[in-house]
Amino acid sequence: KDLIDSQDYKTLKKKISVTTEKSFFIKHKVFRKGGGIIYGENSMNVFHEHGAPAVLRGSIRDVSEKQAFEEQLMQSQKMETIGILAGGLAHDFNNVLGGIVSTVSVLKYDFENRDQIRYSELSSYIEIIERSGERAVDMVKQLLTLSRKRDTEFVNADLVRTVLNVKKICENTLDKSVIISLGLVP
């Protein structure tokens, strides 16, 4: 217990308590004797007595270099994905900003050329600007989440909406001769 990262220990303990397999692999952080951490790939055998795990036997192989390479590769793939999506996102972002700028332009024109502006008109203009601004903020958050090196937080998502958003980005990014066809079931 003292040699394994506390969160990894909880995962390992849970795996041991629920497994019916006699052997399994698990990767976790291991504290080095002189300080520091390595990534260990643990090959374990579990021996049960009276239906409960009683004895563990295994070996840990240092896979720190492999882990670092995998993390570097994942980050590289994320950045490549950002590069590919940048064109589509820039187009979408430009549309959002165009909506804001044109609405402000109409508002400015109305203020300069009309004696009165009804509250309902003003309210609808402000609502357009607000929705467009929220959409822009959401797009930036998605881009930043994708570019971050830290772990992503997983939450429930509407997959149909997500796929439709990805389709829209792809349609704006890919060559116009590419036809994207979906068969979504809500």
Protein backbone atom coordinates (compact mmCIF):
# COMPACT_ATOMS: atom_id res chain seq x y z
CA LYS A 1 0.00 0.00 0.00
CA ASP A 2 2.83 2.41 0.88
CA LEU A 3 4.50 1.92 -2.51
CA ILE A 4 1.51 2.74 -4.71
CA ASP A 5 -0.18 6.07 -5.40
CA SER A 6 -3.28 6.30 -3.13
CA GLN A 7 -5.80 6.66 -5.99
CA ASP A 8 -4.16 3.82 -7.90
CA TYR A 9 -4.21 1.71 -4.72
CA LYS A 10 -7.99 2.19 -4.43
CA THR A 11 -8.39 1.10 -8.06
CA LEU A 12 -6.13 -1.92 -7.51
CA LYS A 13 -7.94 -2.92 -4.33
CA LYS A 14 -11.31 -2.70 -6.06
CA LYS A 15 -10.05 -4.74 -9.02
CA ILE A 16 -8.76 -7.45 -6.66
CA SER A 17 -12.01 -7.56 -4.68
CA VAL A 18 -14.28 -7.94 -7.72
CA THR A 19 -12.13 -10.02 -10.05
CA THR A 20 -12.86 -13.67 -10.64
CA GLU A 21 -9.80 -13.97 -12.83
CA LYS A 22 -6.73 -15.70 -11.47
CA SER A 23 -4.37 -13.22 -13.10
CA PHE A 24 -4.55 -9.73 -14.59
CA PHE A 25 -2.49 -6.70 -15.59
CA ILE A 26 -2.90 -3.23 -14.14
CA LYS A 27 -0.83 -0.07 -14.65
CA HIS A 28 -0.25 2.31 -11.74
CA LYS A 29 2.18 4.80 -10.22
CA VAL A 30 4.82 3.34 -7.90
CA PHE A 31 6.90 5.36 -5.43
CA ARG A 32 10.66 4.86 -5.86
CA LYS A 33 12.84 4.10 -2.87
CA GLY A 34 14.93 7.26 -3.32
CA GLY A 35 11.94 9.45 -4.18
CA GLY A 36 10.05 10.08 -7.35
CA ILE A 37 7.50 8.02 -9.21
CA ILE A 38 7.63 5.39 -11.93
CA TYR A 39 4.78 3.92 -13.90
CA GLY A 40 4.56 0.22 -13.21
CA GLU A 41 2.77 -2.44 -15.18
CA ASN A 42 1.77 -5.01 -12.60
CA SER A 43 1.26 -8.63 -13.60
CA MET A 44 -0.65 -10.19 -10.70
CA ASN A 45 -1.92 -13.58 -9.68
CA VAL A 46 -4.73 -13.67 -7.15
CA PHE A 47 -5.22 -16.69 -4.92
CA HIS A 48 -8.59 -17.04 -3.20
CA GLU A 49 -9.53 -18.79 0.03
CA HIS A 50 -13.17 -19.32 0.91
CA GLY A 51 -14.19 -17.15 -2.07
CA ALA A 52 -12.16 -14.11 -1.01
CA PRO A 53 -8.75 -12.90 -2.22
CA ALA A 54 -6.11 -14.13 0.22
CA VAL A 55 -2.72 -13.94 -1.49
CA LEU A 56 -1.27 -11.80 -4.28
CA ARG A 57 1.81 -12.65 -6.25
CA GLY A 58 3.15 -10.55 -9.02
CA SER A 59 5.85 -8.48 -10.58
CA ILE A 60 6.02 -4.87 -11.57
CA ARG A 61 7.74 -3.78 -14.76
CA ASP A 62 8.86 -0.14 -15.14
CA VAL A 63 6.98 1.29 -18.13
CA SER A 64 7.72 4.96 -17.39
CA GLU A 65 9.36 5.61 -20.76
CA LYS A 66 6.47 3.94 -22.56
CA GLN A 67 3.97 5.98 -20.50
CA ALA A 68 5.82 9.24 -21.25
CA PHE A 69 5.90 8.37 -24.95
CA GLU A 70 2.15 7.56 -24.95
CA GLU A 71 1.36 10.87 -23.20
CA GLN A 72 3.54 12.76 -25.67
CA LEU A 73 1.87 10.97 -28.59
CA MET A 74 -1.60 11.76 -27.24
CA GLN A 75 -0.70 15.44 -26.83
CA SER A 76 0.73 15.49 -30.34
CA GLN A 77 -2.45 13.93 -31.72
CA LYS A 78 -4.55 16.49 -29.84
CA MET A 79 -2.53 19.33 -31.34
CA GLU A 80 -2.82 17.83 -34.83
CA THR A 81 -6.58 17.57 -34.34
CA ILE A 82 -6.69 21.22 -33.30
CA GLY A 83 -4.84 22.16 -36.47
CA ILE A 84 -7.34 20.25 -38.61
CA LEU A 85 -10.35 21.69 -36.80
CA ALA A 86 -8.98 25.23 -36.74
CA GLY A 87 -10.25 26.01 -40.25
CA GLY A 88 -13.79 24.86 -39.48
CA LEU A 89 -13.81 26.52 -36.08
CA ALA A 90 -12.45 29.76 -37.53
CA HIS A 91 -15.31 29.75 -40.06
CA ASP A 92 -17.91 29.08 -37.34
CA PHE A 93 -16.32 31.64 -35.04
CA ASN A 94 -16.34 34.20 -37.85
CA ASN A 95 -20.08 33.54 -38.35
CA VAL A 96 -20.70 34.07 -34.63
CA LEU A 97 -18.71 37.31 -34.61
CA GLY A 98 -20.46 38.39 -37.81
CA GLY A 99 -23.80 37.99 -36.04
CA ILE A 100 -22.62 40.11 -33.14
CA VAL A 101 -21.05 42.83 -35.30
CA SER A 102 -24.04 43.05 -37.66
CA THR A 103 -26.50 43.21 -34.76
CA VAL A 104 -24.47 45.98 -33.12
CA SER A 105 -24.38 47.77 -36.49
CA VAL A 106 -28.19 47.58 -36.79
CA LEU A 107 -28.57 48.82 -33.22
CA LYS A 108 -26.19 51.70 -33.87
CA TYR A 109 -28.09 52.63 -37.04
CA ASP A 110 -31.43 52.52 -35.19
CA PHE A 111 -30.08 54.73 -32.37
CA GLU A 112 -28.76 57.28 -34.87
CA ASN A 113 -31.74 57.33 -37.25
CA ARG A 114 -34.85 56.67 -35.16
CA ASP A 115 -36.50 58.73 -32.49
CA GLN A 116 -37.63 55.72 -30.48
CA ILE A 117 -36.71 52.06 -30.27
CA ARG A 118 -39.21 49.71 -28.73
CA TYR A 119 -38.08 47.66 -25.78
CA SER A 120 -39.00 44.42 -27.59
CA GLU A 121 -36.72 45.33 -30.51
CA LEU A 122 -33.88 46.28 -28.21
CA SER A 123 -34.40 43.13 -26.18
CA SER A 124 -34.29 40.90 -29.29
CA TYR A 125 -31.04 42.56 -30.44
CA ILE A 126 -29.48 42.04 -27.02
CA GLU A 127 -30.64 38.41 -27.00
CA ILE A 128 -28.98 37.78 -30.38
CA ILE A 129 -25.72 39.31 -29.12
CA GLU A 130 -25.92 37.33 -25.88
CA ARG A 131 -26.56 33.98 -27.63
CA SER A 132 -23.78 34.64 -30.12
CA GLY A 133 -21.38 35.59 -27.33
CA GLU A 134 -22.26 32.43 -25.36
CA ARG A 135 -21.69 30.33 -28.47
CA ALA A 136 -18.29 31.97 -28.99
CA VAL A 137 -17.33 31.34 -25.35
CA ASP A 138 -18.41 27.70 -25.68
CA MET A 139 -16.33 27.26 -28.84
CA VAL A 140 -13.25 28.70 -27.14
CA LYS A 141 -13.76 26.43 -24.09
CA GLN A 142 -13.98 23.37 -26.35
CA LEU A 143 -10.82 24.36 -28.16
CA LEU A 144 -8.96 24.99 -24.90
CA THR A 145 -10.16 21.68 -23.43
CA LEU A 146 -8.85 19.86 -26.47
CA SER A 147 -5.48 21.60 -26.30
CA ARG A 148 -4.86 21.08 -22.57
CA LYS A 149 -2.39 18.52 -21.40
CA ARG A 150 -4.29 17.68 -18.23
CA ASP A 151 -6.89 14.98 -17.95
CA THR A 152 -10.31 15.73 -19.35
CA GLU A 153 -13.33 15.74 -17.07
CA PHE A 154 -15.97 13.36 -18.35
CA VAL A 155 -19.64 14.37 -18.15
CA ASN A 156 -22.87 13.14 -19.69
CA ALA A 157 -23.43 14.51 -23.17
CA ASP A 158 -26.15 14.55 -25.80
CA LEU A 159 -24.43 12.39 -28.42
CA VAL A 160 -26.83 13.31 -31.23
CA ARG A 161 -26.16 17.02 -30.65
CA THR A 162 -22.43 16.34 -30.40
CA VAL A 163 -22.38 14.36 -33.66
CA LEU A 164 -24.36 17.11 -35.41
CA ASN A 165 -21.84 19.72 -34.16
CA VAL A 166 -18.93 17.58 -35.39
CA LYS A 167 -20.70 17.14 -38.73
CA LYS A 168 -21.08 20.92 -39.05
CA ILE A 169 -17.39 21.46 -38.29
CA CYS A 170 -16.39 18.75 -40.79
CA GLU A 171 -18.62 20.26 -43.48
CA ASN A 172 -16.88 23.60 -42.98
CA THR A 173 -13.41 22.02 -42.85
CA LEU A 174 -13.43 19.25 -45.46
CA ASP A 175 -13.52 19.66 -49.21
CA LYS A 176 -17.04 20.43 -50.50
CA SER A 177 -16.96 17.28 -52.64
CA VAL A 178 -17.09 15.19 -49.43
CA ILE A 179 -20.67 14.30 -48.54
CA ILE A 180 -21.37 13.41 -44.91
CA SER A 181 -24.38 11.21 -44.35
CA LEU A 182 -25.70 10.38 -40.88
CA GLY A 183 -28.22 7.85 -39.66
CA LEU A 184 -28.93 9.09 -36.14
CA VAL A 185 -31.59 7.63 -33.91
CA PRO A 186 -32.66 10.04 -31.12
